[in-house]
């Protein structure tokens, strides 16, 4: 068996490094530093600047792996890693102290067993320099607001949602305890006074995740809808649990997941309203799905408040139209899934879903209010910031405005493979969440993304739920291949 024993510094900056086993001794001068700057995306389950087939042993507290500048670690070992050392990887979240991000940790607490350990926000650090960070302050803070300097996280906003449910009361407060299992998502609000650093601007807060790197298969429970309405779906908060990107196609079409969930990912969007009162929140779930071959992806934002003169959503919670869920799920990203089964089952993540794909590349983006990635005017997206469908397909977006207050966006896809029944990767259920709403209808259930085989004579029913008498407006844009 090929095994590397690292007794001194290993720098990986331009040539990928692949090992069967990786052992890093307990010494301040023994560490692996991976600089992702020189590496371009090479999508594959065993391609990355650092790839380890079996286990990683971080022998003692001073053993370390540093992933920097979008470097990532891929691993095929499902047995777990050893040692009391740590992997360090950065991710950025919302700047405002009033907005949630949905997270999923790529690391867990440190010990010398082969199991992947639980996570807690006490493992998050404040960056000092490329190798040094200090523990973040985790406390009940004035005004319940997190701070950037020094990094202070308000523990009141750390929740999981791991028991399948459709009830607000089923959010589970974990605060500063180390109790979030690998693969479970969690919520965390941002900070008030973020300052620019050498790698970030003032639009995001940087966190240093430090602990034992996750590897292997992780599962979570999902539950079937309890009725036909969007509000009847049971949700579970999960995410990408690895220190690498994860392929949404591999996740959604996994043999276990394809029967357990409804082939869509739901991303939380929230506007900054300067309040912690739930009644003041302006937000909802954006919906993402993708075809099995990856050629056609569809994203619909949460309900938003207005458009500009060019037809762009200006009141979309969280910022500009360029914020869009994409195929390659970044490190640390959390999202909701909805059960699509007759009884409680499981959804899973596996090492085979891991890929090396940079967050600043065209088909990946961490879902926060203001992204620092340079993804405007990319070749596979149009002027609205939405993905372009292949030549064999067509698409339009219908916006339904209620009471001059907010708009529900619906997407109609046309594809030669579409049927009159449910088409995985081309359709997705509506997330609901508003009192007056619009949707397409399939099998008596509301959908925000629908697909048909194109026919000029086709008539498509539109369903409206109106809570009170009000004006309703209709508009259409992002019309492709007509």
Protein backbone atom coordinates (compact mmCIF):
# COMPACT_ATOMS: atom_id res chain seq x y z
CA UNK A 1 0.00 0.00 0.00
CA UNK A 2 1.37 3.39 -0.96
CA UNK A 3 1.50 5.66 2.05
CA UNK A 4 3.13 9.04 2.52
CA UNK A 5 4.57 9.97 5.90
CA UNK A 6 4.89 13.74 6.06
CA UNK A 7 7.61 14.96 8.40
CA UNK A 8 7.97 18.48 7.00
CA UNK A 9 6.04 21.05 5.02
CA UNK A 10 4.37 19.98 1.76
CA UNK A 11 3.26 22.81 -0.51
CA UNK A 12 0.84 22.01 -3.34
CA UNK A 13 0.53 24.98 -5.67
CA UNK A 14 0.69 23.82 -9.28
CA UNK A 15 0.83 20.02 -9.49
CA UNK A 16 -1.96 17.84 -8.12
CA UNK A 17 -1.11 15.43 -5.33
CA UNK A 18 -2.62 11.94 -5.13
CA UNK A 19 -1.95 9.45 -2.34
CA UNK A 20 -3.32 6.16 -1.11
CA UNK A 21 -2.83 7.21 2.52
CA UNK A 22 -1.70 10.49 4.03
CA UNK A 23 0.02 10.74 7.44
CA UNK A 24 1.00 14.12 8.87
CA UNK A 25 3.18 14.03 11.98
CA UNK A 26 2.54 16.06 15.11
CA UNK A 27 4.88 18.99 14.52
CA UNK A 28 4.32 22.68 13.78
CA UNK A 29 6.51 22.34 10.68
CA UNK A 30 4.59 19.31 9.40
CA UNK A 31 1.59 20.39 7.39
CA UNK A 32 0.07 20.30 3.92
CA UNK A 33 -0.65 23.68 2.34
CA UNK A 34 -2.74 23.52 -0.84
CA UNK A 35 -2.98 26.65 -3.00
CA UNK A 36 -5.83 26.35 -5.50
CA UNK A 37 -4.83 29.40 -7.56
CA UNK A 38 -3.03 27.51 -10.32
CA UNK A 39 -5.62 24.73 -10.66
CA UNK A 40 -8.46 24.78 -13.17
CA UNK A 41 -11.62 22.74 -12.74
CA UNK A 42 -11.28 19.09 -13.68
CA UNK A 43 -14.64 17.61 -12.84
CA UNK A 44 -14.34 14.03 -11.70
CA UNK A 45 -14.59 11.95 -8.57
CA UNK A 46 -10.81 11.46 -8.32
CA UNK A 47 -9.41 14.72 -9.71
CA UNK A 48 -8.32 17.50 -7.34
CA UNK A 49 -5.22 19.36 -6.16
CA UNK A 50 -5.27 16.93 -3.21
CA UNK A 51 -6.77 13.46 -3.62
CA UNK A 52 -6.46 10.72 -0.99
CA UNK A 53 -7.79 7.23 -1.73
CA UNK A 54 -7.85 5.82 1.78
CA UNK A 55 -7.49 7.55 5.13
CA UNK A 56 -5.85 10.72 6.40
CA UNK A 57 -4.12 10.59 9.76
CA UNK A 58 -3.50 13.96 11.39
CA UNK A 59 -1.30 12.51 14.12
CA UNK A 60 -1.49 15.23 16.76
CA UNK A 61 -2.82 18.69 17.62
CA UNK A 62 -0.15 20.41 15.47
CA UNK A 63 -0.85 18.32 12.34
CA UNK A 64 -2.70 20.36 9.73
CA UNK A 65 -4.00 20.63 6.16
CA UNK A 66 -4.67 24.13 4.82
CA UNK A 67 -6.97 24.50 1.79
CA UNK A 68 -6.55 28.00 0.37
CA UNK A 69 -7.70 29.97 -2.69
CA UNK A 70 -10.47 27.50 -3.52
CA UNK A 71 -8.32 24.42 -3.05
CA UNK A 72 -10.30 21.30 -2.23
CA UNK A 73 -9.73 17.83 -0.80
CA UNK A 74 -11.25 14.76 -2.45
CA UNK A 75 -11.27 11.40 -0.75
CA UNK A 76 -12.76 8.02 -1.61
CA UNK A 77 -12.32 6.42 1.82
CA UNK A 78 -15.64 5.85 3.57
CA UNK A 79 -14.21 4.58 6.86
CA UNK A 80 -13.26 7.97 8.32
CA UNK A 81 -10.05 9.78 9.23
CA UNK A 82 -7.76 9.51 12.26
CA UNK A 83 -5.88 11.84 14.54
CA UNK A 84 -6.37 14.97 16.61
CA UNK A 85 -5.04 17.44 14.03
CA UNK A 86 -7.20 19.59 11.80
CA UNK A 87 -8.12 20.61 8.28
CA UNK A 88 -8.71 24.33 7.70
CA UNK A 89 -10.94 25.63 4.90
CA UNK A 90 -12.58 29.04 4.39
CA UNK A 91 -16.11 29.95 3.36
CA UNK A 92 -17.95 33.26 3.27
CA UNK A 93 -21.49 34.08 4.35
CA UNK A 94 -23.90 36.99 4.52
CA UNK A 95 -22.60 40.27 5.87
CA UNK A 96 -25.78 41.44 7.59
CA UNK A 97 -26.59 40.29 11.11
CA UNK A 98 -30.28 39.96 10.18
CA UNK A 99 -30.01 37.39 7.38
CA UNK A 100 -29.65 33.65 7.65
CA UNK A 101 -27.35 31.48 5.60
CA UNK A 102 -28.02 27.76 5.46
CA UNK A 103 -24.79 25.88 6.15
CA UNK A 104 -23.44 22.33 6.24
CA UNK A 105 -20.03 21.84 7.83
CA UNK A 106 -17.17 20.11 5.94
CA UNK A 107 -15.48 19.21 9.24
CA UNK A 108 -16.29 17.85 12.69
CA UNK A 109 -14.73 17.85 16.12
CA UNK A 110 -11.28 16.31 16.54
CA UNK A 111 -10.49 12.92 18.09
CA UNK A 112 -8.49 9.78 17.26
CA UNK A 113 -11.38 7.58 16.09
CA UNK A 114 -12.31 6.75 12.51
CA UNK A 115 -15.86 8.08 12.83
CA UNK A 116 -16.87 11.43 11.41
CA UNK A 117 -17.69 13.64 14.37
CA UNK A 118 -20.43 16.19 15.06
CA UNK A 119 -19.95 19.89 14.42
CA UNK A 120 -20.71 23.00 16.44
CA UNK A 121 -20.13 26.69 15.79
CA UNK A 122 -17.46 26.58 18.52
CA UNK A 123 -15.26 25.05 15.81
CA UNK A 124 -15.46 28.21 13.67
CA UNK A 125 -12.45 30.53 13.70
CA UNK A 126 -11.57 34.14 12.91
CA UNK A 127 -8.83 34.38 10.26
CA UNK A 128 -5.55 36.03 11.31
CA UNK A 129 -3.28 35.00 8.43
CA UNK A 130 -2.88 32.14 5.94
CA UNK A 131 -2.14 29.57 8.66
CA UNK A 132 -3.33 31.23 11.83
CA UNK A 133 -6.80 31.82 13.19
CA UNK A 134 -8.37 32.29 16.60
CA UNK A 135 -11.63 30.84 17.91
CA UNK A 136 -14.68 32.96 17.18
CA UNK A 137 -16.62 34.36 20.12
CA UNK A 138 -19.87 32.41 20.54
CA UNK A 139 -22.27 34.15 22.90
CA UNK A 140 -25.53 36.00 23.49
CA UNK A 141 -24.59 39.38 22.02
CA UNK A 142 -26.10 42.87 22.36
CA UNK A 143 -29.15 43.19 20.15
CA UNK A 144 -28.67 39.54 19.14
CA UNK A 145 -26.31 40.82 16.44
CA UNK A 146 -23.15 39.06 15.29
CA UNK A 147 -19.99 41.16 14.85
CA UNK A 148 -17.07 40.90 12.46
CA UNK A 149 -14.32 42.47 14.57
CA UNK A 150 -13.56 40.38 16.49
CA UNK A 151 -15.62 37.64 14.85
CA UNK A 152 -18.55 37.13 17.20
CA UNK A 153 -21.41 34.75 16.38
CA UNK A 154 -24.83 35.15 17.98
CA UNK A 155 -25.71 31.68 19.24
CA UNK A 156 -29.45 32.42 19.25
CA UNK A 157 -29.66 31.82 15.47
CA UNK A 158 -28.03 28.36 15.27
CA UNK A 159 -30.78 25.87 14.37
CA UNK A 160 -31.16 22.51 12.65
CA UNK A 161 -34.27 21.09 10.96
CA UNK A 162 -33.55 17.38 10.88
CA UNK A 163 -36.86 15.76 11.81
CA UNK A 164 -38.98 15.81 8.62
CA UNK A 165 -41.70 18.37 9.16
CA UNK A 166 -43.67 21.28 7.72
CA UNK A 167 -44.03 23.08 11.06
CA UNK A 168 -42.11 26.19 12.12
CA UNK A 169 -42.05 24.85 15.68
CA UNK A 170 -39.84 21.93 14.65
CA UNK A 171 -36.72 24.09 14.25
CA UNK A 172 -34.22 22.77 16.80
CA UNK A 173 -32.03 25.32 18.64
CA UNK A 174 -28.49 23.94 19.05
CA UNK A 175 -26.78 27.27 19.97
CA UNK A 176 -23.08 26.66 20.71
CA UNK A 177 -23.23 22.92 21.40
CA UNK A 178 -21.28 20.45 19.27
CA UNK A 179 -24.33 18.48 18.26
CA UNK A 180 -24.79 18.88 14.49
CA UNK A 181 -24.20 15.54 12.82
CA UNK A 182 -22.27 15.22 9.51
CA UNK A 183 -24.59 15.93 6.59
CA UNK A 184 -27.07 17.91 8.68
CA UNK A 185 -27.60 21.52 7.70
CA UNK A 186 -27.82 24.41 10.13
CA UNK A 187 -28.74 28.08 10.10
CA UNK A 188 -26.52 30.99 11.12
CA UNK A 189 -26.96 34.74 10.74
CA UNK A 190 -24.16 37.05 9.61
CA UNK A 191 -22.35 40.01 11.17
CA UNK A 192 -22.83 43.76 11.41
CA UNK A 193 -19.45 45.39 10.86
CA UNK A 194 -17.60 43.27 8.28
CA UNK A 195 -14.32 44.83 7.10
CA UNK A 196 -12.44 44.16 3.84
CA UNK A 197 -9.55 41.68 3.98
CA UNK A 198 -6.93 40.66 1.46
CA UNK A 199 -9.26 38.04 -0.01
CA UNK A 200 -12.74 39.45 0.58
CA UNK A 201 -14.63 42.69 0.13
CA UNK A 202 -17.22 44.20 2.44
CA UNK A 203 -20.05 42.09 1.01
CA UNK A 204 -19.36 38.92 2.95
CA UNK A 205 -18.07 37.53 6.24
CA UNK A 206 -15.22 34.99 6.20
CA UNK A 207 -15.22 31.92 8.46
CA UNK A 208 -12.46 29.38 9.02
CA UNK A 209 -13.82 25.84 9.48
CA UNK A 210 -11.21 23.87 11.49
CA UNK A 211 -11.56 20.23 12.47
CA UNK A 212 -11.40 16.65 11.24
CA UNK A 213 -12.33 16.44 7.52
CA UNK A 214 -15.58 14.63 6.77
CA UNK A 215 -15.49 11.61 4.50
CA UNK A 216 -17.90 8.76 3.83
CA UNK A 217 -21.66 8.32 3.57
CA UNK A 218 -24.06 10.44 5.61
CA UNK A 219 -27.83 10.04 5.81
CA UNK A 220 -30.81 12.08 6.97
CA UNK A 221 -34.49 11.27 7.41
CA UNK A 222 -37.10 12.56 4.96
CA UNK A 223 -40.87 12.33 5.12
CA UNK A 224 -43.68 12.16 2.59
CA UNK A 225 -46.01 15.12 2.01
CA UNK A 226 -49.01 15.07 4.34
CA UNK A 227 -51.35 16.60 1.74
CA UNK A 228 -51.54 18.05 -1.79
CA UNK A 229 -50.67 21.71 -1.05
CA UNK A 230 -47.17 23.18 -1.19
CA UNK A 231 -47.38 23.80 2.56
CA UNK A 232 -47.99 20.08 3.11
CA UNK A 233 -44.48 19.04 2.01
CA UNK A 234 -42.20 17.79 4.76
CA UNK A 235 -38.70 19.26 4.63
CA UNK A 236 -35.27 18.35 5.98
CA UNK A 237 -32.27 20.70 6.16
CA UNK A 238 -29.15 19.00 4.74
CA UNK A 239 -26.24 20.11 2.56
CA UNK A 240 -22.75 19.43 1.21
CA UNK A 241 -20.77 17.85 4.09
CA UNK A 242 -17.36 17.65 2.37
CA UNK A 243 -14.29 19.90 1.96
CA UNK A 244 -14.91 19.81 -1.81
CA UNK A 245 -17.71 20.67 -4.19
CA UNK A 246 -20.59 18.22 -4.67
CA UNK A 247 -22.39 17.44 -7.94
CA UNK A 248 -26.15 18.09 -7.73
CA UNK A 249 -26.74 15.64 -10.60
CA UNK A 250 -25.02 12.83 -8.71
CA UNK A 251 -26.95 13.78 -5.56
CA UNK A 252 -30.41 14.05 -7.09
CA UNK A 253 -30.10 10.91 -9.23
CA UNK A 254 -28.41 8.71 -6.65
CA UNK A 255 -30.27 5.34 -6.54
CA UNK A 256 -31.39 5.97 -2.96
CA UNK A 257 -32.18 9.67 -3.29
CA UNK A 258 -34.15 9.42 -6.52
CA UNK A 259 -36.93 7.56 -4.70
CA UNK A 260 -36.67 9.52 -1.46
CA UNK A 261 -36.85 13.20 -2.52
CA UNK A 262 -38.61 15.16 -5.24
CA UNK A 263 -35.55 15.87 -7.42
CA UNK A 264 -35.21 19.49 -6.35
CA UNK A 265 -33.11 21.52 -3.93
CA UNK A 266 -34.61 24.46 -2.04
CA UNK A 267 -32.37 27.42 -1.11
CA UNK A 268 -33.31 30.04 1.48
CA UNK A 269 -33.38 33.67 0.29
CA UNK A 270 -33.89 36.56 2.67
CA UNK A 271 -33.97 40.32 2.32
CA UNK A 272 -32.16 42.52 4.84
CA UNK A 273 -34.97 44.25 6.75
CA UNK A 274 -33.05 45.21 9.87
CA UNK A 275 -35.16 43.14 12.24
CA UNK A 276 -34.95 39.82 14.07
CA UNK A 277 -38.73 39.59 14.45
CA UNK A 278 -40.10 36.64 12.50
CA UNK A 279 -43.14 38.69 11.47
CA UNK A 280 -40.82 41.16 9.70
CA UNK A 281 -38.89 38.56 7.68
CA UNK A 282 -39.01 38.92 3.91
CA UNK A 283 -37.85 35.66 2.39
CA UNK A 284 -38.65 32.26 1.00
CA UNK A 285 -37.16 29.34 -0.91
CA UNK A 286 -35.64 29.40 -4.37
CA UNK A 287 -36.04 26.13 -6.29
CA UNK A 288 -33.39 24.30 -8.33
CA UNK A 289 -33.52 21.19 -10.48
CA UNK A 290 -31.34 19.75 -13.24
CA UNK A 291 -31.71 17.06 -15.91
CA UNK A 292 -29.96 13.73 -15.48
CA UNK A 293 -27.38 14.54 -18.16
CA UNK A 294 -26.71 17.98 -16.67
CA UNK A 295 -27.55 19.73 -19.94
CA UNK A 296 -30.58 21.64 -18.66
CA UNK A 297 -30.84 23.27 -15.25
CA UNK A 298 -33.69 25.41 -13.95
CA UNK A 299 -33.70 27.83 -11.04
CA UNK A 300 -36.66 29.85 -9.78
CA UNK A 301 -36.10 32.53 -7.11
CA UNK A 302 -38.24 32.93 -4.05
CA UNK A 303 -41.12 35.41 -4.26
CA UNK A 304 -39.67 38.87 -4.86
CA UNK A 305 -41.02 42.38 -4.75
CA UNK A 306 -40.51 44.11 -8.10
CA UNK A 307 -38.77 44.32 -11.47
CA UNK A 308 -36.64 47.04 -13.02
CA UNK A 309 -37.30 48.47 -16.52
CA UNK A 310 -35.27 45.69 -18.16
CA UNK A 311 -37.34 42.96 -16.52
CA UNK A 312 -34.79 42.00 -13.87
CA UNK A 313 -36.03 41.09 -10.38
CA UNK A 314 -34.95 44.07 -8.28
CA UNK A 315 -36.77 43.13 -5.11
CA UNK A 316 -35.59 39.54 -5.16
CA UNK A 317 -34.69 38.67 -1.55
CA UNK A 318 -30.98 38.87 -0.98
CA UNK A 319 -29.84 40.82 -4.01
CA UNK A 320 -29.33 40.65 -7.74
CA UNK A 321 -30.57 38.23 -10.35
CA UNK A 322 -27.03 36.87 -10.72
CA UNK A 323 -27.56 34.90 -7.51
CA UNK A 324 -28.60 31.51 -8.80
CA UNK A 325 -28.27 27.98 -7.47
CA UNK A 326 -26.06 25.98 -9.82
CA UNK A 327 -25.01 22.41 -10.49
CA UNK A 328 -21.85 22.19 -8.35
CA UNK A 329 -22.71 22.73 -4.68
CA UNK A 330 -19.93 24.65 -2.88
CA UNK A 331 -18.20 23.76 0.38
CA UNK A 332 -20.41 24.58 3.36
CA UNK A 333 -23.68 25.01 1.45
CA UNK A 334 -26.91 23.96 3.14
CA UNK A 335 -30.32 23.44 1.48
CA UNK A 336 -33.74 21.90 2.07
CA UNK A 337 -35.04 18.72 0.46
CA UNK A 338 -38.64 17.50 0.37
CA UNK A 339 -39.72 13.92 0.81
CA UNK A 340 -41.37 12.17 -2.12
CA UNK A 341 -42.22 8.81 -0.58
CA UNK A 342 -45.14 7.07 1.08
CA UNK A 343 -43.43 6.89 4.48
CA UNK A 344 -40.32 8.10 6.25
CA UNK A 345 -37.09 7.24 4.40
CA UNK A 346 -33.54 8.51 4.03
CA UNK A 347 -31.54 10.76 1.73
CA UNK A 348 -27.77 10.39 1.55
CA UNK A 349 -24.49 11.94 0.45
CA UNK A 350 -21.53 9.79 -0.63
CA UNK A 351 -17.92 10.34 -1.63
CA UNK A 352 -18.83 9.46 -5.22
CA UNK A 353 -20.74 12.77 -5.43
CA UNK A 354 -17.61 14.80 -4.66
CA UNK A 355 -15.89 16.77 -7.43
CA UNK A 356 -13.25 19.47 -7.71
CA UNK A 357 -15.06 22.53 -9.01
CA UNK A 358 -14.25 26.09 -7.96
CA UNK A 359 -16.94 28.31 -6.53
CA UNK A 360 -15.88 31.20 -8.79
CA UNK A 361 -16.36 29.07 -11.91
CA UNK A 362 -19.44 29.35 -14.10
CA UNK A 363 -21.53 26.57 -12.59
CA UNK A 364 -21.08 27.01 -8.84
CA UNK A 365 -22.06 29.70 -6.34
CA UNK A 366 -22.45 29.84 -2.57
CA UNK A 367 -25.99 30.97 -1.87
CA UNK A 368 -25.59 34.20 0.07
CA UNK A 369 -26.97 37.69 -0.31
CA UNK A 370 -24.03 39.20 -2.16
CA UNK A 371 -21.65 36.86 -3.94
CA UNK A 372 -18.01 37.77 -4.48
CA UNK A 373 -17.63 35.42 -7.40
CA UNK A 374 -17.25 36.97 -10.85
CA UNK A 375 -20.03 35.18 -12.69
CA UNK A 376 -21.72 37.91 -14.70
CA UNK A 377 -21.88 37.61 -18.48
CA UNK A 378 -20.79 33.98 -18.45
CA UNK A 379 -21.32 32.13 -21.71
CA UNK A 380 -24.03 29.71 -20.52
CA UNK A 381 -26.22 32.43 -18.95
CA UNK A 382 -28.28 35.16 -20.62
CA UNK A 383 -28.54 38.86 -19.87
CA UNK A 384 -31.05 38.15 -17.11
CA UNK A 385 -28.48 35.96 -15.36
CA UNK A 386 -30.40 32.73 -15.96
CA UNK A 387 -29.04 29.57 -17.57
CA UNK A 388 -29.50 29.11 -21.32
CA UNK A 389 -31.41 26.03 -22.40
CA UNK A 390 -30.02 23.72 -25.12
CA UNK A 391 -31.13 24.22 -28.72
CA UNK A 392 -33.64 21.35 -28.56
CA UNK A 393 -35.51 23.01 -25.68
CA UNK A 394 -37.59 26.15 -25.10
CA UNK A 395 -38.42 28.16 -21.99
CA UNK A 396 -40.32 31.14 -20.66
CA UNK A 397 -40.84 32.64 -17.21
CA UNK A 398 -44.24 33.88 -16.07
CA UNK A 399 -44.39 36.43 -13.23
CA UNK A 400 -47.61 36.77 -11.26
CA UNK A 401 -47.82 39.89 -9.09
CA UNK A 402 -50.13 40.05 -6.09
CA UNK A 403 -51.54 43.33 -4.74
CA UNK A 404 -48.62 45.30 -6.21
CA UNK A 405 -46.53 43.80 -3.41
CA UNK A 406 -44.69 40.64 -4.48
CA UNK A 407 -44.34 38.34 -7.46
CA UNK A 408 -44.30 34.59 -7.83
CA UNK A 409 -42.16 33.43 -10.74
CA UNK A 410 -43.10 30.27 -12.64
CA UNK A 411 -40.98 28.54 -15.31
CA UNK A 412 -42.39 26.62 -18.24
CA UNK A 413 -39.88 24.28 -19.89
CA UNK A 414 -40.42 22.56 -23.24
CA UNK A 415 -38.29 19.54 -24.07
CA UNK A 416 -38.71 16.59 -26.49
CA UNK A 417 -38.37 14.15 -23.58
CA UNK A 418 -41.13 15.76 -21.49
CA UNK A 419 -44.35 13.85 -20.84
CA UNK A 420 -47.76 14.67 -19.38
CA UNK A 421 -46.58 13.09 -16.11
CA UNK A 422 -43.79 14.12 -13.76
CA UNK A 423 -40.44 14.65 -15.53
CA UNK A 424 -37.43 14.48 -13.21
CA UNK A 425 -35.00 17.31 -13.72
CA UNK A 426 -37.44 19.34 -15.80
CA UNK A 427 -40.10 19.98 -13.15
CA UNK A 428 -40.21 20.87 -9.45
CA UNK A 429 -42.88 21.42 -6.83
CA UNK A 430 -43.64 24.88 -5.52
CA UNK A 431 -42.14 25.82 -2.13
CA UNK A 432 -45.28 27.79 -1.20
CA UNK A 433 -44.96 30.09 1.80
CA UNK A 434 -47.24 33.02 0.82
CA UNK A 435 -50.96 33.55 1.41
CA UNK A 436 -51.78 34.44 -2.21
CA UNK A 437 -49.92 32.34 -4.74
CA UNK A 438 -49.78 31.02 -8.29
CA UNK A 439 -48.62 27.69 -9.65
CA UNK A 440 -48.79 25.15 -12.42
CA UNK A 441 -50.71 22.02 -11.47
CA UNK A 442 -49.60 18.40 -11.85
CA UNK A 443 -51.36 15.47 -10.16
CA UNK A 444 -53.32 18.00 -8.12
CA UNK A 445 -50.10 19.41 -6.63
CA UNK A 446 -48.64 22.92 -7.14
CA UNK A 447 -45.47 23.21 -9.25
CA UNK A 448 -43.28 26.24 -9.88
CA UNK A 449 -41.36 24.50 -12.70
CA UNK A 450 -43.28 22.51 -15.32
CA UNK A 451 -42.38 20.83 -18.61
CA UNK A 452 -44.17 19.71 -21.78
CA UNK A 453 -43.26 18.47 -25.20
CA UNK A 454 -43.78 21.63 -27.26
CA UNK A 455 -47.06 21.97 -29.13
CA UNK A 456 -48.35 25.29 -30.47
CA UNK A 457 -51.92 24.31 -29.61
CA UNK A 458 -51.11 23.39 -26.02
CA UNK A 459 -53.21 25.07 -23.31
CA UNK A 460 -51.52 25.24 -19.90
CA UNK A 461 -53.72 25.74 -16.82
CA UNK A 462 -52.59 28.28 -14.24
CA UNK A 463 -53.83 27.97 -10.65
CA UNK A 464 -54.31 30.99 -8.39
CA UNK A 465 -54.91 31.10 -4.63
CA UNK A 466 -56.10 34.55 -3.58
CA UNK A 467 -56.47 35.36 0.11
CA UNK A 468 -58.45 38.56 -0.46
CA UNK A 469 -59.72 40.80 -3.25
CA UNK A 470 -56.69 42.41 -4.89
CA UNK A 471 -55.17 43.35 -8.26
CA UNK A 472 -53.18 40.59 -9.96
CA UNK A 473 -50.68 41.29 -12.74
CA UNK A 474 -49.05 38.98 -15.29
CA UNK A 475 -45.82 39.43 -17.23
CA UNK A 476 -43.43 37.21 -19.15
CA UNK A 477 -39.67 37.29 -19.81
CA UNK A 478 -36.59 35.09 -20.35
CA UNK A 479 -38.22 33.72 -23.51
CA UNK A 480 -35.75 31.28 -25.10
CA UNK A 481 -35.75 29.54 -28.50
CA UNK A 482 -39.17 30.76 -29.65
